[in-house]
Amino acid sequence: MKQTPVEIVRLPSSHGLPLPRYMSDGAAGMDLHAAVEDTLVIEPGGVALVPTGFAIAVPGGHEAQVRSRSGLALSRGVFVLNSPGTVDSDYRGELGVILANMGEEPFEVTRGDRIAQLVVTTVCSVEWSETEELAESGRGGGGFGHTGGHGQSDS
């Protein structure tokens, strides 16, 4: 797999934390760890910005996406609120993760906890071409669920 170099800076709060890393050979996302000094409690229905202790320089033509960890979402109801959160190529501040607790119990974030995933991917820049009408397609203007779903035949 082709690797894209991305510069990363450790902020003082990241002391002792690992760099974001892939946890398996086939992983698309790198785990992000919490750089909190003290335990942070997110109450049910609550939202918190969790620091990671790192700043990155995403290369032009790329973005970094902050995504939920599926295990936290399923087992605890904790997910990245603006998922995927976009880190633009011109942002140089600390990576922060907006976590929401939609579970029924308070959620404790402790230093070093794996709280989210980071995916770096390519993006394209769009130039709009205004027109009077769009080319026909098989779907047309059909909305959500128009292409099939529960109780509908594939034929």
Protein backbone atom coordinates (compact mmCIF):
# COMPACT_ATOMS: atom_id res chain seq x y z
CA MET A 1 0.00 0.00 0.00
CA LYS A 2 1.31 3.46 -0.91
CA GLN A 3 2.13 5.60 2.11
CA THR A 4 1.65 9.38 2.18
CA PRO A 5 4.05 11.30 4.42
CA VAL A 6 2.28 13.53 6.95
CA GLU A 7 4.16 15.79 9.36
CA ILE A 8 3.13 15.49 13.01
CA VAL A 9 4.13 17.57 16.03
CA ARG A 10 3.94 16.31 19.60
CA LEU A 11 2.50 18.94 21.88
CA PRO A 12 3.60 18.99 25.54
CA SER A 13 0.36 17.25 26.57
CA SER A 14 1.22 14.18 24.45
CA HIS A 15 4.14 13.06 26.61
CA GLY A 16 4.04 9.27 26.95
CA LEU A 17 1.27 8.77 24.37
CA PRO A 18 1.83 6.79 21.16
CA LEU A 19 1.59 8.43 17.76
CA PRO A 20 -1.66 7.67 15.94
CA ARG A 21 -1.21 4.18 14.51
CA TYR A 22 -2.92 1.39 12.61
CA MET A 23 -3.89 -1.47 14.89
CA SER A 24 -3.95 -4.12 12.14
CA ASP A 25 -2.49 -4.60 8.66
CA GLY A 26 -5.84 -3.98 6.96
CA ALA A 27 -6.97 -1.04 9.09
CA ALA A 28 -8.03 2.12 7.24
CA GLY A 29 -8.01 4.28 10.37
CA MET A 30 -5.34 5.04 12.94
CA ASP A 31 -6.32 5.10 16.59
CA LEU A 32 -6.28 8.47 18.37
CA HIS A 33 -5.60 8.56 22.10
CA ALA A 34 -6.93 10.94 24.73
CA ALA A 35 -4.38 13.47 26.00
CA VAL A 36 -6.36 14.41 29.10
CA GLU A 37 -4.44 15.02 32.31
CA ASP A 38 -7.30 14.05 34.63
CA THR A 39 -10.27 11.77 34.06
CA LEU A 40 -12.93 13.49 31.95
CA VAL A 41 -16.51 12.38 32.58
CA ILE A 42 -19.05 12.80 29.79
CA GLU A 43 -22.53 12.53 31.22
CA PRO A 44 -25.38 10.89 29.24
CA GLY A 45 -26.44 13.38 26.58
CA GLY A 46 -23.22 15.31 27.09
CA VAL A 47 -20.57 16.45 24.65
CA ALA A 48 -16.87 17.12 25.23
CA LEU A 49 -13.85 18.17 23.20
CA VAL A 50 -11.09 15.67 23.95
CA PRO A 51 -7.51 16.71 23.13
CA THR A 52 -5.09 14.33 21.39
CA GLY A 53 -1.82 16.16 22.06
CA PHE A 54 -0.83 16.31 18.38
CA ALA A 55 -0.94 18.73 15.47
CA ILE A 56 -0.54 17.55 11.87
CA ALA A 57 0.11 19.07 8.45
CA VAL A 58 -2.18 17.24 6.05
CA PRO A 59 -0.70 17.46 2.52
CA GLY A 60 -2.55 19.48 -0.11
CA GLY A 61 -5.08 17.40 -2.01
CA HIS A 62 -5.80 15.38 1.14
CA GLU A 63 -7.93 15.59 4.27
CA ALA A 64 -7.89 13.79 7.58
CA GLN A 65 -11.21 12.44 8.84
CA VAL A 66 -11.90 11.87 12.53
CA ARG A 67 -14.30 8.96 12.90
CA SER A 68 -15.99 7.05 15.69
CA ARG A 69 -14.64 3.77 17.01
CA SER A 70 -17.34 1.18 16.33
CA GLY A 71 -16.82 -0.60 19.64
CA LEU A 72 -17.41 2.57 21.68
CA ALA A 73 -20.45 3.46 19.61
CA LEU A 74 -22.03 0.02 19.99
CA SER A 75 -21.16 -0.85 23.57
CA ARG A 76 -21.28 2.58 25.22
CA GLY A 77 -23.22 4.86 22.87
CA VAL A 78 -20.18 7.15 22.54
CA PHE A 79 -19.32 8.51 19.13
CA VAL A 80 -17.68 11.39 17.28
CA LEU A 81 -20.47 13.96 17.10
CA ASN A 82 -19.56 15.54 13.76
CA SER A 83 -18.42 12.27 12.23
CA PRO A 84 -16.52 12.37 10.13
CA GLY A 85 -14.84 15.49 11.42
CA THR A 86 -12.69 17.01 8.70
CA VAL A 87 -9.14 18.22 9.25
CA ASP A 88 -8.30 20.47 6.30
CA SER A 89 -4.85 20.65 4.76
CA ASP A 90 -4.35 24.22 6.01
CA TYR A 91 -5.26 23.55 9.68
CA ARG A 92 -2.28 23.47 12.05
CA GLY A 93 -3.86 23.38 15.51
CA GLU A 94 -4.20 20.49 17.91
CA LEU A 95 -6.39 17.61 16.80
CA GLY A 96 -9.44 17.51 19.03
CA VAL A 97 -12.19 14.90 19.08
CA ILE A 98 -15.79 15.97 19.77
CA LEU A 99 -17.23 13.03 21.68
CA ALA A 100 -20.95 12.67 22.42
CA ASN A 101 -22.35 10.27 24.99
CA MET A 102 -25.74 8.99 23.85
CA GLY A 103 -25.50 6.05 26.23
CA GLU A 104 -27.31 5.65 29.52
CA GLU A 105 -24.25 5.78 31.79
CA PRO A 106 -21.55 8.42 32.35
CA PHE A 107 -18.51 7.74 30.16
CA GLU A 108 -15.03 8.23 31.62
CA VAL A 109 -12.16 9.26 29.37
CA THR A 110 -8.75 8.61 30.89
CA ARG A 111 -5.31 9.47 29.60
CA GLY A 112 -4.28 7.20 26.74
CA ASP A 113 -7.76 5.82 26.00
CA ARG A 114 -8.39 5.08 22.33
CA ILE A 115 -11.19 7.53 21.55
CA ALA A 116 -11.48 7.78 17.75
CA GLN A 117 -9.92 6.88 14.42
CA LEU A 118 -8.09 9.10 11.94
CA VAL A 119 -8.29 8.37 8.21
CA VAL A 120 -6.18 10.37 5.74
CA THR A 121 -7.61 10.36 2.23
CA THR A 122 -7.43 12.24 -1.05
CA VAL A 123 -9.95 14.89 -2.02
CA CYS A 124 -10.74 16.60 -5.27
CA SER A 125 -11.38 20.26 -5.83
CA VAL A 126 -14.64 21.05 -7.63
CA GLU A 127 -15.31 23.63 -10.28
CA TRP A 128 -19.07 24.13 -10.70
CA SER A 129 -20.51 24.00 -14.21
CA GLU A 130 -23.94 25.61 -14.02
CA THR A 131 -26.54 24.22 -16.43
CA GLU A 132 -30.27 24.47 -17.06
CA GLU A 133 -30.91 20.74 -16.51
CA LEU A 134 -29.08 17.59 -15.52
CA ALA A 135 -28.56 14.45 -17.59
CA GLU A 136 -31.09 11.68 -16.92
CA SER A 137 -30.19 8.79 -14.62
CA GLY A 138 -31.89 5.56 -13.59
CA ARG A 139 -32.70 6.96 -10.16
CA GLY A 140 -33.71 10.45 -11.18
CA GLY A 141 -34.88 12.59 -8.29
CA GLY A 142 -35.83 9.67 -6.03
CA GLY A 143 -35.08 10.42 -2.39
CA PHE A 144 -33.94 8.47 0.64
CA GLY A 145 -34.78 4.79 0.39
CA HIS A 146 -35.77 5.12 -3.27
CA THR A 147 -33.29 2.48 -4.47
CA GLY A 148 -34.76 -0.31 -2.34
CA GLY A 149 -34.91 -1.44 1.21
CA HIS A 150 -36.93 -3.38 3.74
CA GLY A 151 -39.95 -5.02 2.22
CA GLN A 152 -39.15 -4.03 -1.35
CA SER A 153 -38.34 -6.41 -4.15
CA ASP A 154 -35.06 -6.09 -6.05
CA SER A 155 -36.87 -6.73 -9.33
